[in-house]
Amino acid sequence: MRAIWKGAIAFGLVNVPVKVYSATEDHDISLHQVHNADGGRIRYQRRCEVCSKIIDYSDIEKAFEDGGRTVVLSKDELKSIPAENSHEIEVVQFVPSEQLEPMMFEKSYYLEPDSKSPKAYVLLRRALEDTDRVAIVQFALREKTRLGALRIKDDVLVLQSLLWPDEVREAKFPSLDESVRISAQEREMSAALVESMAADFDPDHFTDEYQVQLRTLIEAKLEKGDSLDTEETFGAEAGEGGKGEVIDLMEALKRSLDRKRGGGAAGGSSAEAASGEDEDEDEEAEESGSGTRKAPAKSSSAKSGAAKSTTAKSGAAKSTTTKSTGTGSTTRKPAAKTAGKADPAAKPAAKTTTTRTRKGA
């Protein structure tokens, strides 16, 4: 790492010389723009709109426009601002860490001792540890006076720049002013879903999928050139996420819980299991030449007569499959799994018979 700035922490009358390093970096693959017709690199030029000449960085100054008047500020004039010349990180307060709004955090920097003896550095670190507080500091960096928080990470002082209060927008949405009724059952279900997903945070368990897949695309493109087939690279269903039937909130919570619990008997998991059995039986029938399949009837939810329910009732019809072979036929009748209590008033659903004949059987 290379130090981007040098200064000193002013801790009362104690001076702590430090070097400042960027604590984070961008891992994104760097892409540039090209002309799609011939692959030529697209480059941007700093062209003056008055004389039409291309201007070097050394000849560029900054300016401010106010009501049609333009004030040009030279580099020397900007450097004359007192705060710009300050290399002091002044400690102004020590506050409980929970009082800092996470939205205000901007960028993080590591601070390294920059003196023959790190005693003052270690003293400040110990003071933060002993009092369990965060130091609020003010400093100037890159033509801006900044507010910051000084904390500890792995025995190293970390400076986190903070946004100023007027840089954080107020969240005001009319839709949240409306009265929304949440039922007790919905709250219980959502709490159960939260509990099923509870864990200790470990960032190493997560991957930037886009960057991984972008690297896969680049490598495939390098190997196959313009003959690249993206469906072959990523799969035919790539990019189709987010499409699905619209279901109500309770149904979504039930399905989410079933999925997190590993596909129990309740909710959509039983229906999905039955569907999987049917598909397997279909394949067996086709392999033998022809097959007759009786599809299980779907059960409907009584809630408002709306969205389809994936909960199988105990009165539902059993799935019957007949598999034809060259010597005879065999019949399988797997018992349907049930979820919930049986409904004595429910009538057995009508059976639907589907016959599929394969040519050459």
Protein backbone atom coordinates (compact mmCIF):
# COMPACT_ATOMS: atom_id res chain seq x y z
CA MET A 1 0.00 0.00 0.00
CA ARG A 2 1.07 3.57 -0.64
CA ALA A 3 0.30 6.39 1.79
CA ILE A 4 -2.04 8.98 0.27
CA TRP A 5 -1.57 11.61 2.97
CA LYS A 6 0.47 12.41 6.07
CA GLY A 7 -0.67 14.30 9.13
CA ALA A 8 -1.06 14.11 12.89
CA ILE A 9 -3.90 13.35 15.26
CA ALA A 10 -4.36 16.16 17.78
CA PHE A 11 -5.47 14.39 20.99
CA GLY A 12 -5.63 17.28 23.45
CA LEU A 13 -1.99 18.40 23.72
CA VAL A 14 -0.81 14.97 22.54
CA ASN A 15 0.36 14.81 18.93
CA VAL A 16 0.16 11.46 17.08
CA PRO A 17 1.94 11.55 13.67
CA VAL A 18 0.30 9.15 11.19
CA LYS A 19 0.36 8.03 7.57
CA VAL A 20 -3.02 7.61 5.87
CA TYR A 21 -3.82 4.67 3.54
CA SER A 22 -7.00 3.81 1.65
CA ALA A 23 -8.51 0.82 3.46
CA THR A 24 -10.69 -0.33 0.56
CA GLU A 25 -10.27 -0.99 -3.14
CA ASP A 26 -12.49 -1.77 -6.12
CA HIS A 27 -12.41 -5.38 -7.34
CA ASP A 28 -14.56 -4.80 -10.46
CA ILE A 29 -13.17 -5.83 -13.84
CA SER A 30 -12.16 -2.71 -15.76
CA LEU A 31 -13.96 -2.27 -19.08
CA HIS A 32 -13.50 0.48 -21.67
CA GLN A 33 -15.65 1.73 -24.54
CA VAL A 34 -15.14 0.84 -28.21
CA HIS A 35 -16.87 1.56 -31.52
CA ASN A 36 -19.15 -1.43 -32.25
CA ALA A 37 -18.45 -1.21 -36.00
CA ASP A 38 -14.67 -1.56 -35.96
CA GLY A 39 -13.63 -2.02 -32.31
CA GLY A 40 -11.80 1.32 -32.19
CA ARG A 41 -11.18 2.69 -28.68
CA ILE A 42 -13.40 5.61 -27.67
CA ARG A 43 -11.44 8.42 -26.01
CA TYR A 44 -12.70 11.67 -24.55
CA GLN A 45 -10.94 14.93 -25.22
CA ARG A 46 -10.81 18.10 -23.13
CA ARG A 47 -11.80 20.56 -25.84
CA CYS A 48 -12.38 24.27 -25.20
CA GLU A 49 -15.74 25.41 -26.53
CA VAL A 50 -14.35 28.89 -27.30
CA CYS A 51 -11.16 28.18 -29.28
CA SER A 52 -11.94 24.48 -30.09
CA LYS A 53 -8.42 23.47 -29.01
CA ILE A 54 -7.67 20.32 -27.01
CA ILE A 55 -6.45 21.48 -23.58
CA ASP A 56 -3.79 19.87 -21.33
CA TYR A 57 -4.54 19.28 -17.64
CA SER A 58 -1.88 21.83 -16.69
CA ASP A 59 -3.89 24.57 -18.45
CA ILE A 60 -7.21 23.77 -16.78
CA GLU A 61 -8.54 25.80 -13.85
CA LYS A 62 -11.75 25.51 -11.84
CA ALA A 63 -14.63 27.98 -11.91
CA PHE A 64 -17.97 28.78 -10.30
CA GLU A 65 -20.94 30.21 -12.15
CA ASP A 66 -23.49 32.43 -10.43
CA GLY A 67 -26.30 34.09 -12.33
CA GLY A 68 -24.40 34.30 -15.59
CA ARG A 69 -21.17 35.46 -13.92
CA THR A 70 -18.21 33.06 -13.92
CA VAL A 71 -15.52 33.20 -11.24
CA VAL A 72 -12.30 31.40 -12.20
CA LEU A 73 -10.29 30.05 -9.26
CA SER A 74 -6.62 29.30 -9.93
CA LYS A 75 -4.74 26.42 -8.30
CA ASP A 76 -2.72 28.86 -6.20
CA GLU A 77 -5.89 30.61 -4.97
CA LEU A 78 -7.43 27.28 -3.95
CA LYS A 79 -4.26 26.27 -2.12
CA SER A 80 -4.38 29.55 -0.18
CA ILE A 81 -7.49 28.38 1.73
CA PRO A 82 -6.26 27.75 5.33
CA ALA A 83 -8.10 24.46 5.79
CA GLU A 84 -6.47 23.05 2.65
CA ASN A 85 -3.05 23.49 4.18
CA SER A 86 -3.94 21.81 7.46
CA HIS A 87 -2.53 18.33 8.07
CA GLU A 88 -4.13 17.93 11.45
CA ILE A 89 -6.78 15.38 12.40
CA GLU A 90 -8.37 17.13 15.37
CA VAL A 91 -10.24 15.06 17.95
CA VAL A 92 -13.29 17.07 18.98
CA GLN A 93 -15.46 14.53 20.84
CA PHE A 94 -15.62 10.96 22.15
CA VAL A 95 -19.06 9.42 21.61
CA PRO A 96 -20.76 6.00 21.98
CA SER A 97 -20.51 4.08 18.69
CA GLU A 98 -24.27 3.38 18.62
CA GLN A 99 -24.94 7.10 18.21
CA LEU A 100 -23.35 7.12 14.74
CA GLU A 101 -25.79 6.75 11.86
CA PRO A 102 -24.35 4.08 9.47
CA MET A 103 -25.71 6.01 6.48
CA MET A 104 -23.23 8.80 7.22
CA PHE A 105 -20.15 6.58 6.75
CA GLU A 106 -18.36 7.41 3.49
CA LYS A 107 -14.83 5.99 3.10
CA SER A 108 -12.36 4.19 5.36
CA TYR A 109 -8.63 4.80 5.87
CA TYR A 110 -5.95 2.94 7.82
CA LEU A 111 -3.67 5.04 10.02
CA GLU A 112 -0.06 3.94 10.56
CA PRO A 113 2.28 5.46 13.17
CA ASP A 114 4.71 7.90 11.50
CA SER A 115 7.29 8.44 14.22
CA LYS A 116 10.26 6.67 15.77
CA SER A 117 8.15 5.66 18.78
CA PRO A 118 4.51 4.47 18.39
CA LYS A 119 3.81 5.18 22.09
CA ALA A 120 1.37 8.07 21.46
CA TYR A 121 -0.43 5.99 18.81
CA VAL A 122 -0.83 3.03 21.19
CA LEU A 123 -1.95 5.37 24.01
CA LEU A 124 -4.80 6.75 21.88
CA ARG A 125 -5.79 3.24 20.82
CA ARG A 126 -5.85 2.09 24.46
CA ALA A 127 -7.94 5.12 25.43
CA LEU A 128 -10.56 4.17 22.84
CA GLU A 129 -10.53 0.55 24.03
CA ASP A 130 -10.79 1.40 27.72
CA THR A 131 -13.65 3.88 27.31
CA ASP A 132 -15.45 1.90 24.54
CA ARG A 133 -15.99 5.10 22.59
CA VAL A 134 -15.38 6.46 19.09
CA ALA A 135 -13.40 9.66 18.51
CA ILE A 136 -15.13 12.26 16.31
CA VAL A 137 -12.53 14.20 14.33
CA GLN A 138 -12.29 16.99 11.78
CA PHE A 139 -9.70 17.08 9.01
CA ALA A 140 -9.11 18.39 5.49
CA LEU A 141 -8.42 16.04 2.59
CA ARG A 142 -8.56 16.63 -1.16
CA GLU A 143 -10.00 20.13 -1.11
CA LYS A 144 -12.71 19.37 1.40
CA THR A 145 -13.08 19.72 5.16
CA ARG A 146 -14.36 16.44 6.48
CA LEU A 147 -15.97 14.99 9.56
CA GLY A 148 -14.69 11.58 10.63
CA ALA A 149 -14.89 8.76 13.16
CA LEU A 150 -11.76 7.23 14.64
CA ARG A 151 -12.17 3.61 15.72
CA ILE A 152 -10.10 0.42 16.16
CA LYS A 153 -9.87 -2.60 13.86
CA ASP A 154 -7.38 -5.39 14.58
CA ASP A 155 -5.17 -3.11 16.73
CA VAL A 156 -5.03 -0.49 13.94
CA LEU A 157 -6.64 2.94 14.11
CA VAL A 158 -9.19 3.36 11.31
CA LEU A 159 -10.43 6.75 10.16
CA GLN A 160 -13.88 6.69 8.57
CA SER A 161 -14.94 9.88 6.84
CA LEU A 162 -18.54 10.93 7.51
CA LEU A 163 -21.01 12.77 5.36
CA TRP A 164 -22.17 16.13 6.67
CA PRO A 165 -25.78 16.15 7.91
CA ASP A 166 -27.02 18.19 4.93
CA GLU A 167 -25.52 15.59 2.57
CA VAL A 168 -27.92 12.89 3.78
CA ARG A 169 -31.32 13.17 2.14
CA GLU A 170 -34.51 12.98 4.16
CA ALA A 171 -36.63 9.89 3.51
CA LYS A 172 -40.17 11.17 2.99
CA PHE A 173 -42.52 8.88 1.07
CA PRO A 174 -46.30 9.55 0.97
CA SER A 175 -47.02 5.82 0.58
CA LEU A 176 -45.69 5.19 4.11
CA ASP A 177 -48.18 7.68 5.57
CA GLU A 178 -51.04 5.34 4.71
CA SER A 179 -52.45 3.10 7.42
CA VAL A 180 -51.36 -0.51 6.86
CA ARG A 181 -52.89 -3.39 8.82
CA ILE A 182 -50.59 -6.32 9.60
CA SER A 183 -52.31 -9.39 11.05
CA ALA A 184 -50.92 -11.33 14.00
CA GLN A 185 -50.48 -14.40 11.79
CA GLU A 186 -48.45 -12.41 9.24
CA ARG A 187 -46.19 -11.11 12.01
CA GLU A 188 -45.70 -14.61 13.42
CA MET A 189 -44.88 -16.02 9.99
CA SER A 190 -42.41 -13.24 9.19
CA ALA A 191 -40.73 -13.68 12.60
CA ALA A 192 -40.43 -17.43 11.95
CA LEU A 193 -38.86 -16.71 8.55
CA VAL A 194 -36.35 -14.31 10.15
CA GLU A 195 -35.47 -16.95 12.75
CA SER A 196 -34.97 -19.62 10.06
CA MET A 197 -32.46 -17.32 8.30
CA ALA A 198 -30.67 -16.10 11.45
CA ALA A 199 -26.86 -16.42 11.39
CA ASP A 200 -23.63 -14.65 12.34
CA PHE A 201 -22.44 -12.39 9.53
CA ASP A 202 -19.37 -13.64 7.67
CA PRO A 203 -18.62 -11.65 4.49
CA ASP A 204 -16.43 -14.52 3.20
CA HIS A 205 -19.60 -16.54 2.63
CA PHE A 206 -20.72 -14.18 -0.13
CA THR A 207 -19.52 -13.76 -3.70
CA ASP A 208 -19.85 -10.97 -6.25
CA GLU A 209 -21.72 -13.18 -8.75
CA TYR A 210 -21.77 -10.54 -11.48
CA GLN A 211 -17.98 -10.20 -11.53
CA VAL A 212 -17.51 -14.00 -11.53
CA GLN A 213 -19.93 -14.39 -14.43
CA LEU A 214 -18.39 -11.44 -16.27
CA ARG A 215 -15.00 -13.16 -16.01
CA THR A 216 -16.60 -16.37 -17.35
CA LEU A 217 -18.04 -14.42 -20.28
CA ILE A 218 -14.68 -12.78 -21.06
CA GLU A 219 -12.82 -16.11 -20.97
CA ALA A 220 -15.45 -17.76 -23.19
CA LYS A 221 -15.26 -14.82 -25.61
CA LEU A 222 -11.46 -15.07 -25.75
CA GLU A 223 -11.74 -18.77 -26.54
CA LYS A 224 -14.63 -18.78 -29.05
CA GLY A 225 -14.67 -15.23 -30.41
CA ASP A 226 -17.83 -14.05 -32.18
CA SER A 227 -19.16 -17.62 -32.33
CA LEU A 228 -19.87 -17.43 -28.59
CA ASP A 229 -23.30 -18.78 -27.56
CA THR A 230 -24.33 -17.12 -24.29
CA GLU A 231 -27.03 -19.73 -23.65
CA GLU A 232 -24.36 -22.43 -23.84
CA THR A 233 -22.11 -20.40 -21.53
CA PHE A 234 -24.65 -19.53 -18.83
CA GLY A 235 -27.57 -21.90 -19.53
CA ALA A 236 -30.81 -21.39 -21.45
CA GLU A 237 -32.64 -19.94 -18.43
CA ALA A 238 -30.02 -17.27 -17.65
CA GLY A 239 -31.48 -13.82 -17.20
CA GLU A 240 -35.02 -15.08 -16.58
CA GLY A 241 -34.96 -14.58 -12.82
CA GLY A 242 -37.74 -12.66 -11.14
CA LYS A 243 -40.49 -14.07 -13.34
CA GLY A 244 -43.21 -16.03 -11.59
CA GLU A 245 -46.81 -16.10 -10.51
CA VAL A 246 -48.14 -13.34 -8.29
CA ILE A 247 -49.11 -14.69 -4.87
CA ASP A 248 -50.44 -13.08 -1.72
CA LEU A 249 -48.28 -12.14 1.24
CA MET A 250 -49.23 -15.11 3.48
CA GLU A 251 -48.67 -17.57 0.65
CA ALA A 252 -45.24 -16.04 -0.02
CA LEU A 253 -44.31 -16.35 3.66
CA LYS A 254 -45.45 -20.01 3.74
CA ARG A 255 -43.47 -20.90 0.65
CA SER A 256 -40.40 -19.09 1.97
CA LEU A 257 -40.56 -20.99 5.26
CA ASP A 258 -41.01 -24.33 3.45
CA ARG A 259 -37.96 -23.61 1.31
CA LYS A 260 -35.77 -22.60 4.29
CA ARG A 261 -36.91 -25.66 6.28
CA GLY A 262 -35.66 -27.96 3.56
CA GLY A 263 -38.93 -28.76 1.75
CA GLY A 264 -41.28 -30.01 4.48
CA ALA A 265 -44.72 -31.48 3.80
CA ALA A 266 -46.56 -28.19 4.20
CA GLY A 267 -47.08 -25.50 1.61
CA GLY A 268 -45.64 -25.63 -1.87
CA SER A 269 -43.09 -28.36 -1.10
CA SER A 270 -45.65 -31.20 -1.17
CA ALA A 271 -47.07 -30.03 -4.47
CA GLU A 272 -43.57 -29.69 -5.91
CA ALA A 273 -42.69 -33.22 -4.73
CA ALA A 274 -45.82 -34.63 -6.36
CA SER A 275 -45.00 -32.78 -9.56
CA GLY A 276 -41.51 -34.28 -9.52
CA GLU A 277 -42.95 -37.81 -9.17
CA ASP A 278 -45.25 -37.24 -12.14
CA GLU A 279 -42.37 -36.09 -14.32
CA ASP A 280 -40.32 -39.19 -13.40
CA GLU A 281 -43.25 -41.46 -14.22
CA ASP A 282 -43.74 -39.68 -17.53
CA GLU A 283 -40.14 -40.38 -18.50
CA GLU A 284 -40.47 -44.06 -17.53
CA ALA A 285 -43.62 -44.42 -19.64
CA GLU A 286 -41.97 -42.81 -22.67
CA GLU A 287 -38.93 -45.08 -22.38
CA SER A 288 -41.17 -48.18 -22.49
CA GLY A 289 -43.08 -46.99 -25.55
CA SER A 290 -46.38 -45.67 -24.27
CA GLY A 291 -47.86 -44.73 -20.97
CA THR A 292 -51.16 -43.83 -19.37
CA ARG A 293 -51.04 -41.40 -16.47
CA LYS A 294 -53.77 -40.22 -14.15
CA ALA A 295 -52.86 -36.70 -13.02
CA PRO A 296 -53.58 -35.82 -9.38
CA ALA A 297 -56.26 -33.15 -8.95
CA LYS A 298 -55.18 -29.74 -7.72
CA SER A 299 -56.62 -28.47 -4.45
CA SER A 300 -57.82 -24.88 -4.15
CA SER A 301 -57.39 -22.52 -1.26
CA ALA A 302 -60.58 -21.24 0.33
CA LYS A 303 -59.03 -17.84 1.04
CA SER A 304 -61.00 -15.25 -0.99
CA GLY A 305 -61.17 -17.70 -3.89
CA ALA A 306 -57.97 -16.07 -5.19
CA ALA A 307 -54.40 -17.39 -5.45
CA LYS A 308 -53.81 -21.12 -5.88
CA SER A 309 -52.74 -22.96 -2.72
CA THR A 310 -49.87 -25.38 -2.75
CA THR A 311 -51.09 -27.10 0.44
CA ALA A 312 -52.35 -30.61 -0.34
CA LYS A 313 -55.49 -31.56 1.64
CA SER A 314 -55.84 -35.07 3.02
CA GLY A 315 -58.91 -35.71 0.86
CA ALA A 316 -57.01 -35.21 -2.39
CA ALA A 317 -56.93 -37.95 -4.99
CA LYS A 318 -54.04 -40.39 -5.06
CA SER A 319 -51.82 -40.48 -8.14
CA THR A 320 -52.09 -43.67 -10.19
CA THR A 321 -49.59 -44.58 -12.87
CA THR A 322 -49.76 -47.52 -15.24
CA LYS A 323 -46.56 -48.42 -17.04
CA SER A 324 -46.86 -50.55 -20.15
CA THR A 325 -44.14 -53.06 -20.94
CA GLY A 326 -43.68 -55.70 -23.58
CA THR A 327 -44.96 -58.50 -21.32
CA GLY A 328 -47.67 -56.86 -19.32
CA SER A 329 -48.32 -53.88 -17.08
CA THR A 330 -47.47 -52.85 -13.57
CA THR A 331 -49.34 -50.35 -11.44
CA ARG A 332 -47.88 -48.01 -8.81
CA LYS A 333 -50.07 -46.09 -6.37
CA PRO A 334 -47.90 -43.83 -4.22
CA ALA A 335 -49.87 -42.45 -1.30
CA ALA A 336 -50.12 -38.65 -1.42
CA LYS A 337 -48.54 -36.88 1.52
CA THR A 338 -50.84 -34.55 3.39
CA ALA A 339 -50.26 -31.35 5.24
CA GLY A 340 -52.56 -29.93 7.86
CA LYS A 341 -55.87 -31.37 9.11
CA ALA A 342 -58.31 -33.22 6.92
CA ASP A 343 -61.33 -31.29 5.73
CA PRO A 344 -64.42 -33.49 6.32
CA ALA A 345 -66.49 -31.29 4.00
CA ALA A 346 -64.08 -31.52 1.11
CA LYS A 347 -65.23 -33.70 -1.77
CA PRO A 348 -62.73 -35.92 -3.57
CA ALA A 349 -61.45 -34.07 -6.62
CA ALA A 350 -62.23 -35.44 -10.04
CA LYS A 351 -59.54 -37.51 -11.70
CA THR A 352 -58.18 -36.54 -15.08
CA THR A 353 -56.80 -39.21 -17.35
CA THR A 354 -54.05 -38.32 -19.79
CA THR A 355 -52.96 -40.78 -22.46
CA ARG A 356 -49.74 -40.29 -24.38
CA THR A 357 -48.75 -42.70 -27.16
CA ARG A 358 -45.28 -42.88 -28.56
CA LYS A 359 -44.83 -43.74 -32.21
CA GLY A 360 -43.19 -47.04 -32.93
CA ALA A 361 -44.40 -48.57 -29.63
